[in-house]
Amino acid sequence: MKKTHFIALLFLAISSLGLTVSFVTASKQNNFSYVEISATSESVEQYYSSISDTASGDTLLRALNVLNNQKRKKTVGYGNMRNYAKYFDADPDGSGKIVGFYDNALVGPNWDGAATWNREHVWPNVRGGSSVEDDAHMVRPASVETNSDRGSKGFSTASYDPGQFVEYYRGVASRIIFYCAIANLELKLVDEPLNYNSGNPANSMGALSDMLRWNLQYKPSDTSFTGANDLARRTEINRNVAIQTSSYGQGNRNPFIDHPEYACRIWGNTNAETRSICAGTQYDIEVEDISLDYSEYSLKVGETFKLNVNFVPENANVAPEMLWISSNNEVVSVDQYGLVTALKAGEANVSVIIQDKNLFASCKFTVSGAGSVGCGGDIMLTSTLLSVLSLIGISLILIKRFKYVFRR
């Protein structure tokens, strides 16, 4: 078949999938070929059609987890990344090599037994990365020396800086970590530098605030980057499409490459630092009103109850910190998260306040002492049991006396 006919057929095949060809090249270097493609805006929009524009926090996190599980038809496998990296991480400039993570080192493309390049766990194994190591969106090829220098430290300015060689990798690394957290809900993000190679805290990566900042500073849609930064940017975009559409791929995308704002909508309200970083983004929506899920509630002494706050609109940015107050701390106490503890019989109001916005909501608690428990158990239960035992004893005595009478 002539080369022109092959390219025409390839174009038709890609078009039928709702994709557009941005650059097509066949490279005979190193005995493999690659095709660089980019998805149309319409196909990307369709991919996320099930995701609400107003979802945030845990709701958005779980919605993306469901979407990812539906779209991911398989995982490539950690072992297969030795052979498939040449399709996912091909040099967009056509060198016939693959682009190494962190430093853009052109390596491979063929596997050489980790002599010059290996497979980097962007989310380290000892921190729980083994649970997602078969996923091509997490594993990246890297030169042996660069991979060794990183170790298993977290990403932050105070631990390992993924942009120390090429700045743009700060954004890439952050989006990979965010992806892992929606791919496996047991993986958590903490706002700690994690400047050590151990796995404590378990299944955790940080620092969240630095990664949120980098995600906004180094966006895939920013075409102003040049040189090494632009090479890293184009590689990130290309592999997202290749992992979705390639016959070697998985059928799914990294949502944070297509929608970097999702990160702030999920984790932007974690603490004062993350709120400051995400202020002014799509996440930064003013809260207009608040309410509690109950206006009245009854407890027994010793019981606890968690009050939840409802916000209007639902995806509002709740800043600054909410203040919880009990009108009578001898009757009920309340902690900073809205957990109410009944201490003694009586009535008290528990209120939540957002001071700088003059917003206020309250719930009336009525506490009874009937639930008081001592060493012998519930007092009412104990007295009832003693009464029953007394009646049983009296009955036994009467039965014994009647038997004695009848024998006579």
Protein backbone atom coordinates (compact mmCIF):
# COMPACT_ATOMS: atom_id res chain seq x y z
CA MET A 1 0.00 0.00 0.00
CA LYS A 2 1.31 3.45 -0.86
CA LYS A 3 2.23 5.73 2.02
CA THR A 4 -0.33 8.36 0.91
CA HIS A 5 -3.12 5.78 0.91
CA PHE A 6 -2.13 4.60 4.38
CA ILE A 7 -2.22 8.14 5.77
CA ALA A 8 -5.63 8.76 4.18
CA LEU A 9 -7.07 5.61 5.70
CA LEU A 10 -5.56 6.50 9.08
CA PHE A 11 -7.14 9.94 8.92
CA LEU A 12 -10.56 8.46 8.16
CA ALA A 13 -10.25 5.98 11.04
CA ILE A 14 -9.33 8.68 13.53
CA SER A 15 -12.09 11.00 12.27
CA SER A 16 -14.68 8.27 12.79
CA LEU A 17 -13.70 8.23 16.48
CA GLY A 18 -14.49 11.94 16.84
CA LEU A 19 -10.81 12.96 16.84
CA THR A 20 -8.83 15.42 14.78
CA VAL A 21 -5.31 14.93 13.51
CA SER A 22 -3.02 17.70 14.70
CA PHE A 23 0.24 16.12 13.56
CA VAL A 24 0.98 12.84 11.82
CA THR A 25 4.41 11.37 11.32
CA ALA A 26 5.87 7.93 10.80
CA SER A 27 9.34 7.49 12.23
CA LYS A 28 11.58 4.67 11.13
CA GLN A 29 14.11 5.38 13.87
CA ASN A 30 14.46 2.59 16.40
CA ASN A 31 11.99 0.44 14.40
CA PHE A 32 8.69 1.89 15.62
CA SER A 33 6.11 4.40 14.48
CA TYR A 34 3.91 6.79 16.40
CA VAL A 35 1.02 9.08 15.62
CA GLU A 36 0.43 12.25 17.60
CA ILE A 37 -3.27 13.09 17.83
CA SER A 38 -5.41 15.46 19.83
CA ALA A 39 -9.06 15.08 20.83
CA THR A 40 -11.61 17.59 19.59
CA SER A 41 -13.20 19.86 22.19
CA GLU A 42 -16.53 18.17 21.46
CA SER A 43 -15.23 14.68 22.32
CA VAL A 44 -13.67 15.88 25.57
CA GLU A 45 -16.88 17.66 26.53
CA GLN A 46 -18.83 14.48 25.87
CA TYR A 47 -16.41 12.47 28.03
CA TYR A 48 -17.31 14.60 31.09
CA SER A 49 -21.02 14.99 30.35
CA SER A 50 -21.97 13.13 33.56
CA ILE A 51 -19.99 15.53 35.79
CA SER A 52 -22.02 18.38 37.32
CA ASP A 53 -20.72 21.92 36.86
CA THR A 54 -21.56 22.66 40.51
CA ALA A 55 -20.28 19.46 42.18
CA SER A 56 -17.46 19.96 44.68
CA GLY A 57 -15.67 18.28 47.57
CA ASP A 58 -16.34 14.60 48.20
CA THR A 59 -19.29 14.66 45.77
CA LEU A 60 -17.04 15.58 42.84
CA LEU A 61 -14.29 13.22 44.02
CA ARG A 62 -16.65 10.25 43.97
CA ALA A 63 -18.28 11.28 40.69
CA LEU A 64 -14.87 11.30 39.00
CA ASN A 65 -14.07 7.93 40.57
CA VAL A 66 -17.27 6.47 39.08
CA LEU A 67 -16.53 8.02 35.68
CA ASN A 68 -12.97 6.70 35.69
CA ASN A 69 -14.12 3.19 36.57
CA GLN A 70 -16.66 3.28 33.74
CA LYS A 71 -14.26 4.56 31.09
CA ARG A 72 -11.18 2.52 32.04
CA LYS A 73 -11.68 -0.75 30.17
CA LYS A 74 -8.38 -2.21 31.39
CA THR A 75 -5.07 -1.23 32.96
CA VAL A 76 -1.93 -1.45 30.87
CA GLY A 77 0.11 -3.15 33.60
CA TYR A 78 3.38 -2.06 35.17
CA GLY A 79 5.33 -4.70 33.25
CA ASN A 80 3.87 -3.64 29.90
CA MET A 81 5.01 -0.05 30.40
CA ARG A 82 8.46 -1.27 29.37
CA ASN A 83 7.06 -1.77 25.87
CA TYR A 84 4.15 0.69 25.72
CA ALA A 85 5.96 3.83 26.90
CA LYS A 86 7.10 4.35 23.31
CA TYR A 87 3.46 4.83 22.30
CA PHE A 88 2.39 6.98 25.25
CA ASP A 89 5.53 9.08 25.84
CA ALA A 90 6.89 9.47 22.29
CA ASP A 91 8.88 12.63 21.66
CA PRO A 92 6.45 15.06 19.93
CA ASP A 93 9.39 16.50 17.99
CA GLY A 94 9.96 13.18 16.21
CA SER A 95 13.34 12.08 17.53
CA GLY A 96 12.15 8.48 17.79
CA LYS A 97 12.91 8.51 21.52
CA ILE A 98 10.62 8.69 24.54
CA VAL A 99 10.52 11.69 26.86
CA GLY A 100 11.86 11.04 30.37
CA PHE A 101 9.94 12.37 33.35
CA TYR A 102 11.24 15.36 35.38
CA ASP A 103 14.09 16.31 33.00
CA ASN A 104 12.90 15.58 29.42
CA ALA A 105 15.82 13.19 28.93
CA LEU A 106 15.35 11.43 25.57
CA VAL A 107 15.68 7.72 26.32
CA GLY A 108 14.81 4.35 24.80
CA PRO A 109 12.49 3.75 23.19
CA ASN A 110 13.29 0.05 23.55
CA TRP A 111 13.60 -1.47 27.01
CA ASP A 112 17.23 -2.08 27.98
CA GLY A 113 16.70 -3.80 31.32
CA ALA A 114 16.75 -0.49 33.24
CA ALA A 115 20.31 0.24 32.17
CA THR A 116 19.45 3.81 31.07
CA TRP A 117 15.76 4.26 31.94
CA ASN A 118 13.16 2.71 34.18
CA ARG A 119 9.52 3.15 35.25
CA GLU A 120 8.93 5.88 37.79
CA HIS A 121 6.17 5.46 40.37
CA VAL A 122 5.00 9.07 40.48
CA TRP A 123 2.97 8.01 43.54
CA PRO A 124 5.68 5.99 45.35
CA ASN A 125 5.13 2.32 46.13
CA VAL A 126 5.85 2.67 49.85
CA ARG A 127 3.17 5.37 50.05
CA GLY A 128 0.50 3.17 48.45
CA GLY A 129 1.45 3.58 44.79
CA SER A 130 1.52 -0.19 44.28
CA SER A 131 -2.31 -0.07 44.29
CA VAL A 132 -2.27 1.96 41.05
CA GLU A 133 1.04 0.86 39.51
CA ASP A 134 -0.73 -0.98 36.67
CA ASP A 135 -2.35 2.28 35.54
CA ALA A 136 -0.52 4.01 32.68
CA HIS A 137 -1.64 7.44 33.92
CA MET A 138 0.55 7.01 37.03
CA VAL A 139 3.74 5.37 35.72
CA ARG A 140 6.18 7.46 33.66
CA PRO A 141 9.51 6.58 32.04
CA ALA A 142 12.50 8.30 33.65
CA SER A 143 16.26 8.16 33.42
CA VAL A 144 17.75 5.87 36.06
CA GLU A 145 19.71 8.67 37.74
CA THR A 146 16.74 11.05 38.00
CA ASN A 147 14.43 8.34 39.30
CA SER A 148 16.95 7.34 41.97
CA ASP A 149 17.39 10.93 43.17
CA ARG A 150 13.66 11.35 43.77
CA GLY A 151 13.31 8.32 46.06
CA SER A 152 9.87 8.18 47.70
CA LYS A 153 9.59 11.74 48.97
CA GLY A 154 6.45 13.83 48.63
CA PHE A 155 6.20 16.71 46.16
CA SER A 156 6.73 20.14 47.69
CA THR A 157 9.16 23.03 47.88
CA ALA A 158 10.40 21.56 51.17
CA SER A 159 10.90 17.97 49.93
CA TYR A 160 11.25 16.90 46.29
CA ASP A 161 10.60 19.58 43.67
CA PRO A 162 9.47 17.83 40.45
CA GLY A 163 10.28 21.03 38.52
CA GLN A 164 13.91 21.37 39.51
CA PHE A 165 15.03 20.42 35.98
CA VAL A 166 12.01 21.52 33.94
CA GLU A 167 9.52 23.75 35.78
CA TYR A 168 6.43 22.52 33.96
CA TYR A 169 6.75 19.08 35.59
CA ARG A 170 5.45 20.65 38.80
CA GLY A 171 2.05 20.83 37.15
CA VAL A 172 2.35 17.40 35.50
CA ALA A 173 3.35 15.65 38.74
CA SER A 174 0.52 17.32 40.66
CA ARG A 175 -2.11 16.24 38.14
CA ILE A 176 -0.85 12.65 38.23
CA ILE A 177 -1.14 12.62 42.03
CA PHE A 178 -4.66 14.08 41.81
CA TYR A 179 -5.57 11.38 39.28
CA CYS A 180 -4.38 8.61 41.62
CA ALA A 181 -6.58 10.01 44.40
CA ILE A 182 -9.71 9.67 42.24
CA ALA A 183 -8.64 6.34 40.72
CA ASN A 184 -8.30 4.73 44.17
CA LEU A 185 -10.28 6.31 47.01
CA GLU A 186 -8.01 4.71 49.62
CA LEU A 187 -5.22 7.07 48.55
CA LYS A 188 -5.27 10.39 50.38
CA LEU A 189 -3.67 13.82 49.99
CA VAL A 190 -2.14 15.54 53.01
CA ASP A 191 -0.74 19.05 53.33
CA GLU A 192 2.63 17.91 54.65
CA PRO A 193 6.03 18.04 52.85
CA LEU A 194 6.77 14.32 53.52
CA ASN A 195 10.49 15.05 53.25
CA TYR A 196 11.49 11.44 53.88
CA ASN A 197 11.29 8.10 52.08
CA SER A 198 9.13 6.10 54.51
CA GLY A 199 5.45 5.42 53.91
CA ASN A 200 4.01 7.23 56.93
CA PRO A 201 1.28 8.34 56.93
CA ALA A 202 0.07 5.29 55.00
CA ASN A 203 -1.35 5.70 51.46
CA SER A 204 -0.72 9.46 51.57
CA MET A 205 1.01 12.02 49.35
CA GLY A 206 1.72 15.69 49.83
CA ALA A 207 2.11 18.57 50.03
CA LEU A 208 -1.41 19.40 48.90
CA SER A 209 -1.08 23.19 49.00
CA ASP A 210 2.06 23.19 46.82
CA MET A 211 0.47 20.83 44.31
CA LEU A 212 -2.71 22.93 44.08
CA ARG A 213 -0.55 26.01 43.43
CA TRP A 214 1.54 24.27 40.76
CA ASN A 215 -1.54 22.87 39.07
CA LEU A 216 -2.78 26.42 38.50
CA GLN A 217 0.61 27.84 37.52
CA TYR A 218 1.45 25.20 34.91
CA LYS A 219 -1.73 24.49 32.96
CA PRO A 220 -1.85 22.28 29.84
CA SER A 221 -3.94 24.93 28.06
CA ASP A 222 -1.23 27.60 28.48
CA THR A 223 0.51 27.79 25.12
CA SER A 224 2.90 30.53 26.24
CA PHE A 225 5.44 27.96 27.46
CA THR A 226 8.49 27.48 25.27
CA GLY A 227 11.47 25.15 24.97
CA ALA A 228 11.71 22.35 27.54
CA ASN A 229 8.54 23.47 29.32
CA ASP A 230 6.54 23.29 26.10
CA LEU A 231 7.95 19.83 25.30
CA ALA A 232 6.77 18.59 28.71
CA ARG A 233 3.37 20.23 28.14
CA ARG A 234 2.83 18.66 24.72
CA THR A 235 3.94 15.25 25.98
CA GLU A 236 1.41 15.47 28.83
CA ILE A 237 -1.43 16.29 26.43
CA ASN A 238 -0.45 13.65 23.86
CA ARG A 239 -0.18 10.79 26.35
CA ASN A 240 -3.60 11.65 27.84
CA VAL A 241 -5.15 11.12 24.41
CA ALA A 242 -3.00 8.08 23.58
CA ILE A 243 -3.90 6.27 26.82
CA GLN A 244 -7.57 6.87 26.03
CA THR A 245 -7.63 6.09 22.30
CA SER A 246 -4.66 3.86 21.47
CA SER A 247 -5.23 0.15 20.97
CA TYR A 248 -2.59 -0.28 23.70
CA GLY A 249 -4.40 2.15 26.00
CA GLN A 250 -7.03 1.98 28.73
CA GLY A 251 -9.95 4.02 27.38
CA ASN A 252 -9.79 6.66 30.13
CA ARG A 253 -8.37 10.15 30.58
CA ASN A 254 -6.79 12.08 33.43
CA PRO A 255 -9.58 14.58 34.25
CA PHE A 256 -7.17 17.09 35.82
CA ILE A 257 -5.38 17.56 32.49
CA ASP A 258 -8.67 18.46 30.82
CA HIS A 259 -10.09 20.32 33.85
CA PRO A 260 -7.35 21.58 36.20
CA GLU A 261 -10.04 23.48 38.14
CA TYR A 262 -11.42 20.18 39.45
CA ALA A 263 -8.52 20.02 41.94
CA CYS A 264 -9.53 23.24 43.70
CA ARG A 265 -13.17 22.22 43.64
CA ILE A 266 -12.31 18.99 45.47
CA TRP A 267 -9.46 19.97 47.83
CA GLY A 268 -9.55 23.79 47.82
CA ASN A 269 -11.40 24.00 51.13
CA THR A 270 -8.96 21.78 53.06
CA ASN A 271 -7.36 24.59 55.10
CA ALA A 272 -6.62 28.32 55.08
CA GLU A 273 -3.61 27.87 52.77
CA THR A 274 -5.53 25.88 50.15
CA ARG A 275 -8.41 28.38 50.30
CA SER A 276 -5.97 31.21 49.67
CA ILE A 277 -4.41 29.39 46.70
CA CYS A 278 -7.77 28.56 45.13
CA ALA A 279 -9.31 32.01 45.74
CA GLY A 280 -10.33 33.66 42.48
CA THR A 281 -10.64 30.35 40.63
CA GLN A 282 -13.88 28.73 39.49
CA TYR A 283 -13.94 27.17 42.94
CA ASP A 284 -14.14 30.56 44.70
CA ILE A 285 -17.92 30.98 44.99
CA GLU A 286 -19.44 33.12 47.73
CA VAL A 287 -21.62 31.42 50.34
CA GLU A 288 -25.02 33.14 50.57
CA ASP A 289 -26.72 31.25 53.39
CA ILE A 290 -26.29 28.28 55.74
CA SER A 291 -28.59 25.89 57.59
CA LEU A 292 -28.24 22.78 59.76
CA ASP A 293 -29.73 19.41 58.87
CA TYR A 294 -31.82 19.50 62.10
CA SER A 295 -33.53 22.37 63.97
CA GLU A 296 -34.33 20.19 67.02
CA TYR A 297 -32.85 16.95 68.32
CA SER A 298 -33.10 14.77 71.44
CA LEU A 299 -30.24 12.91 73.11
CA LYS A 300 -29.62 10.87 76.23
CA VAL A 301 -26.72 11.61 78.56
CA GLY A 302 -23.53 10.17 77.10
CA GLU A 303 -24.73 10.10 73.48
CA THR A 304 -23.12 12.03 70.61
CA PHE A 305 -24.51 13.44 67.37
CA LYS A 306 -22.83 15.03 64.32
CA LEU A 307 -24.49 18.17 62.96
CA ASN A 308 -23.98 18.85 59.23
CA VAL A 309 -24.04 22.28 57.60
CA ASN A 310 -25.87 22.92 54.32
CA PHE A 311 -24.61 25.75 52.11
CA VAL A 312 -26.33 27.93 49.54
CA PRO A 313 -25.16 27.52 46.82
CA GLU A 314 -24.02 23.92 47.36
CA ASN A 315 -20.55 24.50 45.84
CA ALA A 316 -19.88 27.66 47.86
CA ASN A 317 -16.41 28.33 49.21
CA VAL A 318 -16.75 28.10 53.00
CA ALA A 319 -14.21 30.59 54.26
CA PRO A 320 -13.11 31.51 56.84
CA GLU A 321 -13.40 28.73 59.43
CA MET A 322 -16.83 28.07 60.89
CA LEU A 323 -17.32 28.68 64.60
CA TRP A 324 -19.37 26.23 66.70
CA ILE A 325 -20.93 27.34 70.02
CA SER A 326 -23.09 25.70 72.72
CA SER A 327 -25.41 27.95 74.74
CA ASN A 328 -24.89 25.70 77.79
CA ASN A 329 -21.66 23.73 77.96
CA GLU A 330 -22.86 21.85 81.03
CA VAL A 331 -25.73 20.31 79.05
CA VAL A 332 -24.02 19.72 75.67
CA SER A 333 -20.56 20.38 74.26
CA VAL A 334 -19.65 20.80 70.59
CA ASP A 335 -16.25 20.46 68.88
CA GLN A 336 -14.88 22.35 65.88
CA TYR A 337 -16.41 19.82 63.46
CA GLY A 338 -19.98 19.98 64.81
CA LEU A 339 -19.87 16.83 66.95
CA VAL A 340 -22.30 17.31 69.86
CA THR A 341 -21.93 15.39 73.16
CA ALA A 342 -24.78 15.21 75.71
CA LEU A 343 -23.42 15.78 79.24
CA LYS A 344 -26.45 16.17 81.54
CA ALA A 345 -30.23 16.56 81.40
CA GLY A 346 -31.50 19.91 80.15
CA GLU A 347 -31.81 22.04 77.04
CA ALA A 348 -29.22 23.93 75.01
CA ASN A 349 -28.82 25.47 71.56
CA VAL A 350 -25.87 24.55 69.35
CA SER A 351 -25.03 27.18 66.73
CA VAL A 352 -22.66 27.49 63.79
CA ILE A 353 -21.45 30.93 62.73
CA ILE A 354 -19.51 32.34 59.77
CA GLN A 355 -18.58 35.60 61.41
CA ASP A 356 -17.39 37.81 58.56
CA LYS A 357 -20.50 36.99 56.53
CA ASN A 358 -22.98 37.36 59.44
CA LEU A 359 -24.38 33.89 58.76
CA PHE A 360 -25.92 31.86 61.58
CA ALA A 361 -27.79 28.56 62.07
CA SER A 362 -28.92 26.81 65.26
CA CYS A 363 -30.31 23.50 66.57
CA LYS A 364 -32.11 23.00 69.92
CA PHE A 365 -31.00 19.92 71.89
CA THR A 366 -33.08 18.30 74.61
CA VAL A 367 -31.09 15.94 76.83
CA SER A 368 -32.68 13.36 79.13
CA GLY A 369 -30.88 11.50 81.90
CA ALA A 370 -32.51 8.15 81.11
CA GLY A 371 -29.49 7.02 79.14
CA SER A 372 -27.06 7.40 82.05
CA VAL A 373 -24.89 4.31 82.32
CA GLY A 374 -22.87 3.23 85.35
CA CYS A 375 -20.92 0.13 86.25
CA GLY A 376 -24.17 -1.83 86.61
CA GLY A 377 -25.57 -0.65 83.30
CA ASP A 378 -28.62 1.49 82.56
CA ILE A 379 -30.30 2.56 85.83
CA MET A 380 -33.87 2.13 84.54
CA LEU A 381 -33.01 -1.27 83.09
CA THR A 382 -31.37 -2.36 86.36
CA SER A 383 -34.36 -1.36 88.54
CA THR A 384 -36.79 -3.07 86.19
CA LEU A 385 -34.71 -6.23 86.24
CA LEU A 386 -34.62 -6.23 90.05
CA SER A 387 -38.42 -5.85 90.17
CA VAL A 388 -38.87 -8.80 87.82
CA LEU A 389 -36.48 -10.93 89.87
CA SER A 390 -38.41 -10.04 93.05
CA LEU A 391 -41.70 -11.10 91.47
CA ILE A 392 -40.14 -14.36 90.34
CA GLY A 393 -38.89 -14.98 93.90
CA ILE A 394 -42.32 -14.31 95.42
CA SER A 395 -43.93 -16.62 92.86
CA LEU A 396 -41.54 -19.43 93.72
CA ILE A 397 -42.32 -19.06 97.43
CA LEU A 398 -46.09 -19.14 96.78
CA ILE A 399 -45.79 -22.21 94.55
CA LYS A 400 -43.74 -23.99 97.20
CA ARG A 401 -46.34 -23.15 99.88
CA PHE A 402 -49.24 -24.34 97.70
CA LYS A 403 -47.43 -27.62 97.11
CA TYR A 404 -47.01 -28.04 100.85
CA VAL A 405 -50.73 -27.39 101.45
CA PHE A 406 -51.86 -29.89 98.82
CA ARG A 407 -49.58 -32.59 100.21
CA ARG A 408 -51.32 -32.30 103.51
